[in-house]
Amino acid sequence: MFRRLLAAILFGLFVSATNYAAAHHAFAANYEMGNVGTVEGIVEEVFWANPHVHYYIQVAKEDGTTELWDGEAANLSLLAARGWDRNTIRVGDAIRVTGALGRDGIRRIQMRQVVRADGSQLVQPPAAE
């Protein structure tokens, strides 16, 4: 009985770890890692939480309309190790983001470098680390 229970628990842990690893390393499914681009706009919303921080950026198009882009950063621990906190980038900030673009024309970017309006640069570890 004990062996069956132990086997069931270990199997459950294995399945959970496998699912987490597959989900966490799915950046290649969401981003074209070799297609690096830049978007520039105003931060409309900040999602400061794990598993990854997101900055939603209103980007002005040439025709005067705007598009909402999802800038995906690393997790809280990796950002904190680089000195970032919840106030490093705030709602209303003008930023320029460079990183891998979303697949299939989806408006998302894996944030690698951020330049603020004052010209200061923020480099963060890739979210896939």
Protein backbone atom coordinates (compact mmCIF):
# COMPACT_ATOMS: atom_id res chain seq x y z
CA MET A 1 0.00 0.00 0.00
CA PHE A 2 2.77 2.42 0.97
CA ARG A 3 4.70 1.68 -2.23
CA ARG A 4 1.63 2.38 -4.38
CA LEU A 5 1.00 5.65 -2.59
CA LEU A 6 4.64 6.65 -2.96
CA ALA A 7 4.61 5.69 -6.64
CA ALA A 8 1.45 7.72 -7.21
CA ILE A 9 2.94 10.77 -5.50
CA LEU A 10 6.20 10.51 -7.44
CA PHE A 11 4.33 10.07 -10.70
CA GLY A 12 2.22 13.15 -9.92
CA LEU A 13 5.33 15.20 -9.18
CA PHE A 14 6.94 14.01 -12.41
CA VAL A 15 3.88 14.95 -14.49
CA SER A 16 3.64 18.36 -12.79
CA ALA A 17 7.33 19.08 -13.36
CA THR A 18 7.11 17.98 -16.98
CA ASN A 19 4.07 20.17 -17.63
CA TYR A 20 5.74 23.16 -15.96
CA ALA A 21 8.93 22.74 -17.97
CA ALA A 22 7.02 22.41 -21.23
CA ALA A 23 4.90 25.47 -20.48
CA HIS A 24 7.84 27.54 -19.27
CA HIS A 25 9.97 26.83 -22.31
CA ALA A 26 7.24 27.47 -24.86
CA PHE A 27 8.72 30.82 -25.91
CA ALA A 28 9.61 29.37 -29.29
CA ALA A 29 5.92 28.63 -29.75
CA ASN A 30 4.96 32.23 -28.95
CA TYR A 31 7.86 34.20 -30.40
CA GLU A 32 9.95 34.12 -33.55
CA MET A 33 13.26 34.14 -31.71
CA GLY A 34 15.20 35.14 -34.84
CA ASN A 35 12.78 37.95 -35.74
CA VAL A 36 13.86 40.86 -33.54
CA GLY A 37 11.92 44.09 -33.73
CA THR A 38 11.22 47.31 -31.87
CA VAL A 39 8.00 48.92 -30.66
CA GLU A 40 7.63 52.34 -29.10
CA GLY A 41 4.72 53.68 -27.12
CA ILE A 42 3.10 54.50 -23.80
CA VAL A 43 2.70 51.94 -21.02
CA GLU A 44 -1.01 51.45 -20.43
CA GLU A 45 -0.94 48.63 -17.88
CA VAL A 46 1.62 46.74 -15.80
CA PHE A 47 1.13 43.14 -14.69
CA TRP A 48 3.78 42.76 -11.98
CA ALA A 49 3.53 39.08 -11.03
CA ASN A 50 4.93 35.68 -11.83
CA PRO A 51 5.34 33.67 -13.93
CA HIS A 52 6.37 36.67 -16.10
CA VAL A 53 5.91 40.42 -15.85
CA HIS A 54 3.90 42.03 -18.68
CA TYR A 55 3.84 45.64 -19.85
CA TYR A 56 0.93 46.55 -22.12
CA ILE A 57 2.05 49.28 -24.49
CA GLN A 58 -0.11 51.54 -26.71
CA VAL A 59 1.81 51.91 -29.95
CA ALA A 60 0.85 54.66 -32.44
CA LYS A 61 0.67 53.56 -36.07
CA GLU A 62 1.49 55.77 -39.05
CA ASP A 63 -2.22 56.18 -39.88
CA GLY A 64 -2.90 57.70 -36.44
CA THR A 65 -4.55 54.64 -34.90
CA THR A 66 -3.02 52.72 -32.01
CA GLU A 67 -2.36 49.08 -31.25
CA LEU A 68 -1.96 47.44 -27.88
CA TRP A 69 1.23 45.36 -27.60
CA ASP A 70 2.07 42.86 -24.89
CA GLY A 71 5.67 43.26 -23.74
CA GLU A 72 6.68 40.12 -21.85
CA ALA A 73 9.59 40.37 -19.43
CA ALA A 74 11.27 37.84 -17.16
CA ASN A 75 9.98 36.63 -13.80
CA LEU A 76 10.13 38.69 -10.61
CA SER A 77 13.30 37.02 -9.29
CA LEU A 78 15.32 37.58 -12.46
CA LEU A 79 14.13 41.18 -12.75
CA ALA A 80 14.94 41.89 -9.10
CA ALA A 81 18.43 40.48 -9.66
CA ARG A 82 18.87 43.17 -12.34
CA GLY A 83 17.59 45.87 -9.97
CA TRP A 84 14.07 46.15 -11.37
CA ASP A 85 11.07 46.69 -9.12
CA ARG A 86 7.39 47.44 -9.63
CA ASN A 87 8.21 51.14 -10.24
CA THR A 88 11.02 50.68 -12.77
CA ILE A 89 8.48 51.06 -15.60
CA ARG A 90 5.13 52.62 -14.73
CA VAL A 91 1.81 53.32 -16.39
CA GLY A 92 2.21 56.46 -18.50
CA ASP A 93 5.91 55.94 -19.22
CA ALA A 94 7.08 56.33 -22.82
CA ILE A 95 9.32 53.39 -23.72
CA ARG A 96 10.98 51.77 -26.71
CA VAL A 97 11.24 47.98 -26.49
CA THR A 98 13.45 45.68 -28.55
CA GLY A 99 13.03 41.91 -28.58
CA ALA A 100 11.69 38.83 -30.32
CA LEU A 101 8.35 39.45 -32.04
CA GLY A 102 5.25 37.32 -31.62
CA ARG A 103 4.47 34.55 -34.05
CA ASP A 104 1.68 34.78 -36.61
CA GLY A 105 1.44 38.57 -36.42
CA ILE A 106 0.35 38.59 -32.79
CA ARG A 107 1.25 41.93 -31.18
CA ARG A 108 3.65 40.72 -28.52
CA ILE A 109 7.32 41.20 -27.91
CA GLN A 110 9.73 39.35 -25.64
CA MET A 111 11.43 42.26 -23.93
CA ARG A 112 15.24 42.22 -24.17
CA GLN A 113 16.04 45.91 -23.97
CA VAL A 114 14.00 48.94 -22.94
CA VAL A 115 14.90 52.58 -23.56
CA ARG A 116 13.03 55.17 -21.51
CA ALA A 117 12.12 58.67 -22.68
CA ASP A 118 15.19 60.10 -20.91
CA GLY A 119 17.43 57.76 -22.94
CA SER A 120 18.31 55.47 -20.04
CA GLN A 121 18.52 51.82 -21.00
CA LEU A 122 17.22 48.81 -19.14
CA VAL A 123 18.46 45.38 -20.12
CA GLN A 124 16.75 42.40 -18.61
CA PRO A 125 17.36 38.68 -18.81
CA PRO A 126 15.25 36.88 -21.37
CA ALA A 127 12.01 35.55 -19.90
CA ALA A 128 12.98 32.04 -20.96
CA GLU A 129 15.90 31.92 -18.52
